[in-house]
N, C-alpha and C. Protein backbone atom coordinates (compact mmCIF):
# COMPACT_ATOMS: atom_id res chain seq x y z
N MET A 1 -22.24 10.22 -4.11
CA MET A 1 -22.28 8.87 -3.57
C MET A 1 -23.26 8.01 -4.35
N ILE A 2 -23.05 6.74 -4.25
CA ILE A 2 -23.90 5.80 -4.95
C ILE A 2 -25.23 5.65 -4.25
N SER A 3 -25.18 5.46 -2.95
CA SER A 3 -26.41 5.23 -2.18
C SER A 3 -26.27 5.85 -0.81
N GLN A 4 -27.30 5.77 -0.06
CA GLN A 4 -27.28 6.23 1.32
C GLN A 4 -26.95 5.04 2.21
N GLY A 5 -25.71 4.61 2.26
CA GLY A 5 -25.31 3.42 3.02
C GLY A 5 -25.99 3.35 4.37
N GLN A 6 -26.01 2.18 4.94
CA GLN A 6 -26.75 1.98 6.17
C GLN A 6 -26.20 2.77 7.36
N ASN A 7 -24.96 3.21 7.29
CA ASN A 7 -24.37 3.96 8.39
C ASN A 7 -23.88 5.32 7.92
N SER A 8 -24.64 6.00 7.08
CA SER A 8 -24.19 7.27 6.54
C SER A 8 -24.09 8.36 7.60
N ASP A 9 -24.62 8.11 8.80
CA ASP A 9 -24.55 9.11 9.86
C ASP A 9 -23.44 8.82 10.87
N VAL A 10 -22.54 7.91 10.56
CA VAL A 10 -21.44 7.57 11.46
C VAL A 10 -20.54 8.79 11.62
N GLU A 11 -20.24 9.11 12.87
CA GLU A 11 -19.38 10.25 13.14
C GLU A 11 -18.16 9.78 13.91
N GLY A 12 -17.15 10.65 13.97
CA GLY A 12 -15.94 10.32 14.70
C GLY A 12 -14.99 9.51 13.85
N GLU A 13 -13.82 9.28 14.43
CA GLU A 13 -12.80 8.53 13.72
C GLU A 13 -12.92 7.04 13.99
N LEU A 14 -12.37 6.27 13.08
CA LEU A 14 -12.32 4.83 13.28
C LEU A 14 -11.38 4.51 14.43
N GLU A 15 -11.73 3.51 15.20
CA GLU A 15 -10.86 3.05 16.28
C GLU A 15 -9.67 2.31 15.68
N PRO A 16 -8.50 2.36 16.33
CA PRO A 16 -7.33 1.63 15.81
C PRO A 16 -7.62 0.14 15.60
N GLY A 17 -8.41 -0.46 16.47
CA GLY A 17 -8.76 -1.87 16.31
C GLY A 17 -9.58 -2.12 15.06
N GLU A 18 -10.48 -1.18 14.72
CA GLU A 18 -11.28 -1.32 13.50
C GLU A 18 -10.39 -1.21 12.26
N ILE A 19 -9.46 -0.27 12.30
CA ILE A 19 -8.54 -0.10 11.17
C ILE A 19 -7.69 -1.35 11.00
N HIS A 20 -7.18 -1.86 12.12
CA HIS A 20 -6.36 -3.08 12.06
C HIS A 20 -7.18 -4.24 11.50
N ASN A 21 -8.42 -4.36 11.93
CA ASN A 21 -9.29 -5.44 11.45
C ASN A 21 -9.53 -5.33 9.95
N VAL A 22 -9.67 -4.10 9.45
CA VAL A 22 -9.88 -3.89 8.02
C VAL A 22 -8.62 -4.27 7.24
N LEU A 23 -7.47 -3.79 7.70
CA LEU A 23 -6.24 -3.94 6.91
C LEU A 23 -5.55 -5.29 7.08
N ARG A 24 -5.96 -6.08 8.04
CA ARG A 24 -5.29 -7.37 8.20
C ARG A 24 -5.73 -8.37 7.13
N ASN A 25 -6.77 -8.04 6.40
CA ASN A 25 -7.24 -8.92 5.33
C ASN A 25 -6.74 -8.41 3.98
N ASP A 26 -6.05 -9.27 3.23
CA ASP A 26 -5.48 -8.88 1.94
C ASP A 26 -6.52 -8.38 0.96
N ARG A 27 -7.67 -9.02 0.91
CA ARG A 27 -8.69 -8.62 -0.08
C ARG A 27 -9.28 -7.25 0.25
N ARG A 28 -9.50 -6.96 1.51
CA ARG A 28 -10.00 -5.63 1.87
C ARG A 28 -8.95 -4.57 1.54
N ARG A 29 -7.69 -4.88 1.88
CA ARG A 29 -6.61 -3.94 1.61
C ARG A 29 -6.47 -3.71 0.10
N ARG A 30 -6.52 -4.78 -0.66
CA ARG A 30 -6.40 -4.64 -2.12
C ARG A 30 -7.60 -3.90 -2.72
N ALA A 31 -8.77 -4.10 -2.14
CA ALA A 31 -9.95 -3.38 -2.62
C ALA A 31 -9.76 -1.88 -2.43
N ILE A 32 -9.30 -1.48 -1.26
CA ILE A 32 -9.07 -0.05 -1.00
C ILE A 32 -7.99 0.48 -1.93
N GLN A 33 -6.91 -0.26 -2.08
CA GLN A 33 -5.82 0.18 -2.96
C GLN A 33 -6.31 0.37 -4.39
N HIS A 34 -7.12 -0.55 -4.88
CA HIS A 34 -7.60 -0.42 -6.26
C HIS A 34 -8.61 0.72 -6.40
N LEU A 35 -9.48 0.86 -5.43
CA LEU A 35 -10.49 1.92 -5.51
C LEU A 35 -9.87 3.31 -5.51
N ARG A 36 -8.72 3.45 -4.89
CA ARG A 36 -8.08 4.77 -4.88
C ARG A 36 -7.53 5.14 -6.25
N THR A 37 -7.35 4.14 -7.14
CA THR A 37 -6.79 4.42 -8.46
C THR A 37 -7.86 4.72 -9.51
N VAL A 38 -9.12 4.47 -9.19
CA VAL A 38 -10.19 4.74 -10.15
C VAL A 38 -10.94 6.00 -9.73
N GLU A 39 -11.43 6.73 -10.71
CA GLU A 39 -12.07 8.01 -10.41
C GLU A 39 -13.58 7.93 -10.31
N GLU A 40 -14.15 6.85 -10.81
CA GLU A 40 -15.60 6.71 -10.81
C GLU A 40 -15.98 5.42 -10.10
N PRO A 41 -17.24 5.29 -9.72
CA PRO A 41 -17.68 4.02 -9.13
C PRO A 41 -17.39 2.85 -10.07
N ILE A 42 -17.04 1.71 -9.48
CA ILE A 42 -16.77 0.52 -10.30
C ILE A 42 -17.67 -0.62 -9.82
N SER A 43 -17.79 -1.61 -10.66
CA SER A 43 -18.63 -2.76 -10.32
C SER A 43 -17.84 -3.75 -9.46
N VAL A 44 -18.57 -4.54 -8.71
CA VAL A 44 -17.95 -5.59 -7.90
C VAL A 44 -17.26 -6.59 -8.82
N ASP A 45 -17.84 -6.84 -9.99
CA ASP A 45 -17.21 -7.75 -10.96
C ASP A 45 -15.82 -7.27 -11.35
N ASP A 46 -15.70 -5.97 -11.66
CA ASP A 46 -14.40 -5.42 -12.06
C ASP A 46 -13.39 -5.50 -10.91
N LEU A 47 -13.86 -5.18 -9.71
CA LEU A 47 -12.97 -5.25 -8.55
C LEU A 47 -12.53 -6.69 -8.29
N ALA A 48 -13.46 -7.63 -8.38
CA ALA A 48 -13.13 -9.04 -8.16
C ALA A 48 -12.13 -9.52 -9.21
N GLU A 49 -12.32 -9.11 -10.44
CA GLU A 49 -11.38 -9.49 -11.51
C GLU A 49 -9.98 -8.96 -11.21
N HIS A 50 -9.90 -7.69 -10.79
CA HIS A 50 -8.60 -7.10 -10.48
C HIS A 50 -7.91 -7.84 -9.33
N ILE A 51 -8.64 -8.06 -8.25
CA ILE A 51 -8.05 -8.72 -7.08
C ILE A 51 -7.65 -10.15 -7.41
N ALA A 52 -8.46 -10.85 -8.16
CA ALA A 52 -8.12 -12.22 -8.57
C ALA A 52 -6.86 -12.23 -9.44
N SER A 53 -6.71 -11.23 -10.30
CA SER A 53 -5.50 -11.12 -11.13
C SER A 53 -4.27 -10.91 -10.27
N VAL A 54 -4.39 -10.06 -9.27
CA VAL A 54 -3.27 -9.80 -8.36
C VAL A 54 -2.91 -11.07 -7.58
N GLU A 55 -3.92 -11.76 -7.10
CA GLU A 55 -3.68 -12.96 -6.29
C GLU A 55 -3.05 -14.10 -7.09
N THR A 56 -3.43 -14.22 -8.35
CA THR A 56 -2.95 -15.36 -9.14
C THR A 56 -1.80 -14.99 -10.08
N ASP A 57 -1.56 -13.71 -10.25
CA ASP A 57 -0.55 -13.24 -11.20
C ASP A 57 -0.90 -13.67 -12.63
N GLU A 58 -2.19 -13.77 -12.92
CA GLU A 58 -2.66 -14.16 -14.25
C GLU A 58 -3.71 -13.16 -14.72
N SER A 59 -3.67 -12.86 -16.01
CA SER A 59 -4.67 -11.97 -16.58
C SER A 59 -5.16 -12.55 -17.89
N PRO A 60 -6.39 -12.93 -18.00
CA PRO A 60 -7.41 -12.90 -16.95
C PRO A 60 -7.19 -14.02 -15.94
N PRO A 61 -7.69 -13.81 -14.73
CA PRO A 61 -7.53 -14.84 -13.70
C PRO A 61 -8.44 -16.04 -13.96
N PRO A 62 -8.12 -17.18 -13.38
CA PRO A 62 -9.00 -18.35 -13.53
C PRO A 62 -10.41 -18.05 -13.01
N ARG A 63 -11.38 -18.61 -13.68
CA ARG A 63 -12.80 -18.35 -13.35
C ARG A 63 -13.13 -18.72 -11.91
N ASP A 64 -12.61 -19.85 -11.41
CA ASP A 64 -12.94 -20.26 -10.05
C ASP A 64 -12.37 -19.30 -9.01
N VAL A 65 -11.19 -18.75 -9.27
CA VAL A 65 -10.60 -17.78 -8.34
C VAL A 65 -11.40 -16.48 -8.38
N ARG A 66 -11.74 -16.04 -9.58
CA ARG A 66 -12.53 -14.81 -9.72
C ARG A 66 -13.87 -14.95 -8.99
N LYS A 67 -14.50 -16.11 -9.12
CA LYS A 67 -15.79 -16.34 -8.44
C LYS A 67 -15.61 -16.35 -6.92
N SER A 68 -14.55 -16.98 -6.44
CA SER A 68 -14.27 -17.02 -5.01
C SER A 68 -14.05 -15.61 -4.45
N VAL A 69 -13.29 -14.81 -5.19
CA VAL A 69 -13.04 -13.43 -4.77
C VAL A 69 -14.34 -12.65 -4.77
N TYR A 70 -15.14 -12.81 -5.82
CA TYR A 70 -16.41 -12.10 -5.92
C TYR A 70 -17.31 -12.42 -4.72
N VAL A 71 -17.45 -13.70 -4.41
CA VAL A 71 -18.33 -14.11 -3.32
C VAL A 71 -17.84 -13.54 -1.99
N SER A 72 -16.54 -13.61 -1.73
CA SER A 72 -16.03 -13.10 -0.45
C SER A 72 -16.17 -11.58 -0.37
N LEU A 73 -15.96 -10.89 -1.49
CA LEU A 73 -16.16 -9.43 -1.49
C LEU A 73 -17.63 -9.10 -1.23
N HIS A 74 -18.52 -9.73 -1.97
CA HIS A 74 -19.95 -9.43 -1.89
C HIS A 74 -20.55 -9.78 -0.52
N GLN A 75 -20.16 -10.92 0.04
CA GLN A 75 -20.79 -11.38 1.27
C GLN A 75 -20.11 -10.86 2.54
N THR A 76 -18.82 -10.59 2.47
CA THR A 76 -18.09 -10.27 3.70
C THR A 76 -17.40 -8.92 3.67
N HIS A 77 -16.46 -8.76 2.74
CA HIS A 77 -15.55 -7.62 2.80
C HIS A 77 -16.20 -6.28 2.47
N LEU A 78 -16.96 -6.21 1.40
CA LEU A 78 -17.57 -4.93 1.04
C LEU A 78 -18.64 -4.49 2.03
N PRO A 79 -19.50 -5.39 2.53
CA PRO A 79 -20.43 -4.95 3.58
C PRO A 79 -19.70 -4.42 4.81
N LYS A 80 -18.58 -5.04 5.18
CA LYS A 80 -17.80 -4.58 6.33
C LYS A 80 -17.25 -3.17 6.06
N LEU A 81 -16.68 -2.95 4.87
CA LEU A 81 -16.14 -1.63 4.53
C LEU A 81 -17.26 -0.59 4.43
N ASP A 82 -18.42 -1.00 3.95
CA ASP A 82 -19.57 -0.10 3.87
C ASP A 82 -20.08 0.25 5.26
N GLU A 83 -20.13 -0.73 6.13
CA GLU A 83 -20.58 -0.52 7.51
C GLU A 83 -19.70 0.50 8.23
N LEU A 84 -18.41 0.49 7.93
CA LEU A 84 -17.47 1.43 8.56
C LEU A 84 -17.36 2.74 7.79
N ASP A 85 -18.16 2.90 6.74
CA ASP A 85 -18.16 4.11 5.89
C ASP A 85 -16.83 4.35 5.19
N ILE A 86 -16.11 3.28 4.88
CA ILE A 86 -14.87 3.40 4.12
C ILE A 86 -15.19 3.36 2.62
N VAL A 87 -16.17 2.55 2.25
CA VAL A 87 -16.65 2.53 0.87
C VAL A 87 -18.15 2.74 0.87
N ASP A 88 -18.64 3.17 -0.26
CA ASP A 88 -20.08 3.26 -0.48
C ASP A 88 -20.43 2.11 -1.41
N TYR A 89 -21.11 1.11 -0.87
CA TYR A 89 -21.40 -0.12 -1.61
C TYR A 89 -22.90 -0.26 -1.80
N ASP A 90 -23.33 -0.17 -3.04
CA ASP A 90 -24.73 -0.35 -3.40
C ASP A 90 -24.91 -1.82 -3.80
N GLN A 91 -25.44 -2.62 -2.88
CA GLN A 91 -25.57 -4.06 -3.14
C GLN A 91 -26.55 -4.37 -4.26
N ARG A 92 -27.54 -3.53 -4.43
CA ARG A 92 -28.54 -3.77 -5.47
C ARG A 92 -27.92 -3.59 -6.86
N ASP A 93 -27.17 -2.49 -7.06
CA ASP A 93 -26.55 -2.22 -8.36
C ASP A 93 -25.15 -2.83 -8.49
N GLN A 94 -24.63 -3.38 -7.40
CA GLN A 94 -23.29 -3.99 -7.40
C GLN A 94 -22.21 -2.98 -7.79
N MET A 95 -22.33 -1.74 -7.31
CA MET A 95 -21.36 -0.68 -7.61
C MET A 95 -20.79 -0.16 -6.30
N LEU A 96 -19.55 0.32 -6.36
CA LEU A 96 -18.94 0.87 -5.16
C LEU A 96 -17.92 1.93 -5.49
N GLU A 97 -17.62 2.75 -4.47
CA GLU A 97 -16.59 3.77 -4.56
C GLU A 97 -16.10 4.09 -3.15
N LEU A 98 -14.92 4.71 -3.08
CA LEU A 98 -14.38 5.09 -1.77
C LEU A 98 -15.15 6.28 -1.22
N ARG A 99 -15.24 6.32 0.09
CA ARG A 99 -15.78 7.48 0.78
C ARG A 99 -14.61 8.26 1.36
N ASP A 100 -14.88 9.45 1.83
CA ASP A 100 -13.83 10.29 2.41
C ASP A 100 -13.18 9.63 3.62
N ARG A 101 -13.93 8.82 4.32
CA ARG A 101 -13.42 8.18 5.54
C ARG A 101 -12.27 7.21 5.26
N ALA A 102 -12.09 6.82 4.01
CA ALA A 102 -10.98 5.93 3.65
C ALA A 102 -9.63 6.57 3.96
N GLU A 103 -9.60 7.90 4.04
CA GLU A 103 -8.35 8.59 4.37
C GLU A 103 -7.79 8.13 5.71
N GLU A 104 -8.65 7.72 6.62
CA GLU A 104 -8.20 7.32 7.96
C GLU A 104 -7.33 6.07 7.95
N VAL A 105 -7.45 5.25 6.93
CA VAL A 105 -6.62 4.04 6.87
C VAL A 105 -5.33 4.28 6.10
N GLU A 106 -5.21 5.43 5.45
CA GLU A 106 -4.05 5.73 4.60
C GLU A 106 -2.72 5.59 5.33
N VAL A 107 -2.62 6.17 6.49
CA VAL A 107 -1.35 6.13 7.24
C VAL A 107 -0.94 4.70 7.53
N TYR A 108 -1.87 3.88 7.89
CA TYR A 108 -1.55 2.49 8.22
C TYR A 108 -1.14 1.69 6.99
N MET A 109 -1.69 2.02 5.84
CA MET A 109 -1.31 1.32 4.61
C MET A 109 0.10 1.70 4.19
N GLU A 110 0.52 2.94 4.46
CA GLU A 110 1.86 3.38 4.11
C GLU A 110 2.91 2.74 5.00
N VAL A 111 2.60 2.57 6.27
CA VAL A 111 3.56 2.05 7.23
C VAL A 111 3.86 0.58 6.98
N ALA A 112 2.89 -0.16 6.50
CA ALA A 112 3.07 -1.61 6.32
C ALA A 112 3.05 -1.97 4.84
N PRO A 113 4.20 -1.81 4.15
CA PRO A 113 4.21 -2.15 2.74
C PRO A 113 3.96 -3.63 2.54
N GLU A 114 3.24 -3.94 1.46
CA GLU A 114 2.88 -5.33 1.22
C GLU A 114 4.05 -6.13 0.65
N GLU A 115 4.91 -5.50 -0.09
CA GLU A 115 6.01 -6.19 -0.73
C GLU A 115 7.32 -5.48 -0.39
N ASN A 116 8.42 -6.12 -0.72
CA ASN A 116 9.75 -5.55 -0.55
C ASN A 116 10.11 -5.35 0.92
N ILE A 117 11.27 -4.74 1.14
CA ILE A 117 11.70 -4.45 2.50
C ILE A 117 11.20 -3.07 2.90
N SER A 118 11.14 -2.81 4.18
CA SER A 118 10.70 -1.50 4.64
C SER A 118 11.81 -0.48 4.39
N TRP A 119 11.42 0.78 4.35
CA TRP A 119 12.42 1.83 4.13
C TRP A 119 13.41 1.88 5.29
N SER A 120 12.95 1.65 6.50
CA SER A 120 13.89 1.69 7.64
C SER A 120 14.94 0.60 7.51
N THR A 121 14.55 -0.58 7.04
CA THR A 121 15.51 -1.67 6.83
C THR A 121 16.47 -1.31 5.70
N TYR A 122 15.97 -0.69 4.66
CA TYR A 122 16.83 -0.26 3.55
C TYR A 122 17.88 0.73 4.03
N TYR A 123 17.43 1.78 4.75
CA TYR A 123 18.38 2.79 5.24
C TYR A 123 19.39 2.19 6.21
N LEU A 124 18.96 1.27 7.04
CA LEU A 124 19.88 0.59 7.96
C LEU A 124 20.93 -0.19 7.17
N GLY A 125 20.51 -0.87 6.12
CA GLY A 125 21.45 -1.63 5.28
C GLY A 125 22.46 -0.73 4.59
N VAL A 126 22.00 0.40 4.04
CA VAL A 126 22.91 1.34 3.39
C VAL A 126 23.90 1.91 4.41
N SER A 127 23.41 2.23 5.60
CA SER A 127 24.30 2.74 6.66
C SER A 127 25.36 1.71 7.03
N ALA A 128 24.94 0.48 7.22
CA ALA A 128 25.89 -0.58 7.59
C ALA A 128 26.92 -0.78 6.48
N LEU A 129 26.48 -0.78 5.24
CA LEU A 129 27.40 -0.93 4.11
C LEU A 129 28.39 0.23 4.06
N GLY A 130 27.91 1.44 4.34
CA GLY A 130 28.79 2.61 4.37
C GLY A 130 29.84 2.50 5.45
N VAL A 131 29.44 2.08 6.64
CA VAL A 131 30.39 1.93 7.75
C VAL A 131 31.43 0.86 7.42
N VAL A 132 30.99 -0.27 6.91
CA VAL A 132 31.92 -1.36 6.55
C VAL A 132 32.89 -0.89 5.46
N THR A 133 32.38 -0.15 4.47
CA THR A 133 33.24 0.35 3.40
C THR A 133 34.28 1.32 3.94
N LEU A 134 33.86 2.25 4.78
CA LEU A 134 34.81 3.22 5.34
C LEU A 134 35.83 2.54 6.25
N LEU A 135 35.42 1.52 6.98
CA LEU A 135 36.39 0.75 7.79
C LEU A 135 37.37 0.01 6.88
N ALA A 136 36.90 -0.50 5.77
CA ALA A 136 37.79 -1.18 4.82
C ALA A 136 38.82 -0.21 4.24
N VAL A 137 38.40 1.02 3.97
CA VAL A 137 39.34 2.04 3.49
C VAL A 137 40.35 2.36 4.58
N GLU A 138 39.86 2.52 5.80
CA GLU A 138 40.73 2.87 6.93
C GLU A 138 41.78 1.80 7.18
N PHE A 139 41.42 0.54 7.01
CA PHE A 139 42.36 -0.55 7.25
C PHE A 139 43.05 -1.00 5.96
N ASP A 140 42.98 -0.15 4.93
CA ASP A 140 43.70 -0.37 3.67
C ASP A 140 43.36 -1.72 3.04
N PHE A 141 42.06 -1.98 2.93
CA PHE A 141 41.59 -3.27 2.40
C PHE A 141 41.50 -3.23 0.87
N ALA A 142 42.34 -3.97 0.22
CA ALA A 142 42.40 -4.22 -1.22
C ALA A 142 41.83 -3.10 -2.09
N PHE A 143 40.91 -3.45 -2.95
CA PHE A 143 40.36 -2.57 -3.98
C PHE A 143 39.66 -1.34 -3.39
N VAL A 144 38.98 -1.51 -2.29
CA VAL A 144 38.16 -0.44 -1.71
C VAL A 144 39.01 0.77 -1.32
N SER A 145 40.16 0.55 -0.74
CA SER A 145 40.98 1.65 -0.24
C SER A 145 41.60 2.48 -1.37
N SER A 146 41.65 1.96 -2.58
CA SER A 146 42.24 2.71 -3.69
C SER A 146 41.41 3.95 -4.06
N PHE A 147 40.14 3.98 -3.69
CA PHE A 147 39.30 5.14 -3.99
C PHE A 147 39.36 6.22 -2.92
N GLY A 148 39.74 5.90 -1.72
CA GLY A 148 39.87 6.88 -0.66
C GLY A 148 38.58 7.18 0.08
N THR A 149 38.76 7.76 1.25
CA THR A 149 37.63 8.08 2.13
C THR A 149 36.70 9.12 1.52
N GLY A 150 37.26 10.13 0.87
CA GLY A 150 36.45 11.18 0.26
C GLY A 150 35.47 10.66 -0.77
N PHE A 151 35.95 9.78 -1.65
CA PHE A 151 35.09 9.21 -2.68
C PHE A 151 33.93 8.46 -2.06
N TRP A 152 34.25 7.57 -1.11
CA TRP A 152 33.20 6.75 -0.51
C TRP A 152 32.24 7.58 0.32
N SER A 153 32.72 8.61 0.98
CA SER A 153 31.82 9.49 1.75
C SER A 153 30.82 10.16 0.82
N TRP A 154 31.30 10.71 -0.30
CA TRP A 154 30.40 11.34 -1.27
C TRP A 154 29.47 10.32 -1.91
N TYR A 155 29.98 9.13 -2.16
CA TYR A 155 29.17 8.08 -2.76
C TYR A 155 27.96 7.75 -1.87
N PHE A 156 28.22 7.51 -0.59
CA PHE A 156 27.11 7.14 0.30
C PHE A 156 26.20 8.32 0.62
N LEU A 157 26.76 9.53 0.67
CA LEU A 157 25.92 10.72 0.84
C LEU A 157 24.98 10.86 -0.36
N SER A 158 25.51 10.66 -1.56
CA SER A 158 24.67 10.73 -2.77
C SER A 158 23.62 9.62 -2.77
N LEU A 159 24.02 8.42 -2.37
CA LEU A 159 23.08 7.30 -2.32
C LEU A 159 21.93 7.60 -1.35
N PHE A 160 22.27 8.15 -0.18
CA PHE A 160 21.23 8.52 0.79
C PHE A 160 20.31 9.59 0.23
N THR A 161 20.88 10.60 -0.42
CA THR A 161 20.08 11.69 -0.96
C THR A 161 19.13 11.19 -2.05
N LEU A 162 19.66 10.42 -2.99
CA LEU A 162 18.81 9.88 -4.05
C LEU A 162 17.74 8.94 -3.49
N SER A 163 18.11 8.16 -2.50
CA SER A 163 17.13 7.26 -1.87
C SER A 163 16.02 8.05 -1.18
N ALA A 164 16.40 9.12 -0.49
CA ALA A 164 15.40 9.93 0.20
C ALA A 164 14.45 10.61 -0.79
N VAL A 165 14.99 11.08 -1.91
CA VAL A 165 14.14 11.70 -2.93
C VAL A 165 13.16 10.67 -3.49
N TYR A 166 13.67 9.49 -3.82
CA TYR A 166 12.79 8.44 -4.34
C TYR A 166 11.77 8.01 -3.28
N HIS A 167 12.20 7.89 -2.04
CA HIS A 167 11.31 7.50 -0.94
C HIS A 167 10.16 8.50 -0.84
N ALA A 168 10.48 9.80 -0.86
CA ALA A 168 9.44 10.83 -0.77
C ALA A 168 8.47 10.72 -1.95
N TYR A 169 9.02 10.50 -3.14
CA TYR A 169 8.18 10.35 -4.34
C TYR A 169 7.27 9.12 -4.23
N ALA A 170 7.85 8.00 -3.82
CA ALA A 170 7.09 6.75 -3.72
C ALA A 170 5.99 6.85 -2.67
N GLU A 171 6.28 7.48 -1.54
CA GLU A 171 5.27 7.64 -0.49
C GLU A 171 4.11 8.50 -0.98
N ARG A 172 4.44 9.57 -1.67
CA ARG A 172 3.39 10.45 -2.17
C ARG A 172 2.54 9.75 -3.22
N LYS A 173 3.18 8.97 -4.07
CA LYS A 173 2.48 8.26 -5.14
C LYS A 173 1.52 7.22 -4.58
N HIS A 174 1.86 6.61 -3.45
CA HIS A 174 1.04 5.54 -2.90
C HIS A 174 0.01 6.01 -1.88
N ARG A 175 -0.07 7.30 -1.65
CA ARG A 175 -1.07 7.80 -0.72
C ARG A 175 -2.45 7.63 -1.32
N LEU A 176 -3.41 7.38 -0.48
CA LEU A 176 -4.79 7.25 -0.97
C LEU A 176 -5.30 8.56 -1.55
N PHE A 177 -5.02 9.65 -0.85
CA PHE A 177 -5.51 10.95 -1.27
C PHE A 177 -4.35 11.93 -1.25
N TRP A 178 -3.99 12.45 -2.40
CA TRP A 178 -2.88 13.40 -2.48
C TRP A 178 -3.31 14.71 -1.85
N PRO A 179 -2.37 15.38 -1.20
CA PRO A 179 -2.72 16.67 -0.58
C PRO A 179 -3.06 17.72 -1.60
């Protein structure tokens, strides 16, 4: 660890309300996501630069945005994460790293993807498309029925299987701590 944070003796699990409070803020969530990808302590400057780049979609990000991110991290977000023992934040050296307790927020970060549609919505869409396609075959609808029920059944079974394999891979890749 970098330092003996002010709450290094905190025991027990985080309350669901505390986890929700941490993850409802984009900058705190992005800080945790970035820290899980680095193996050594990083500076607040580097973290602020990364988050500002993500927020603006520019590399390097504009100076005013980087400064705004830095100030909010330094004054608000990192002390909060340090207080909850999610990160180890040395304010004097401006360095930080994840603590083991960050694992407690992992499940919640996986359930609420920041971008794209959820996996449940994706699977529902594929199912609905499969049902509509099979009904079109059954009612002899133009081009679709020329392939037959067997083809479409195998097609959607394959699509589900490949989707499930990719889903499992993507979930494992985005976990904070691999098993």
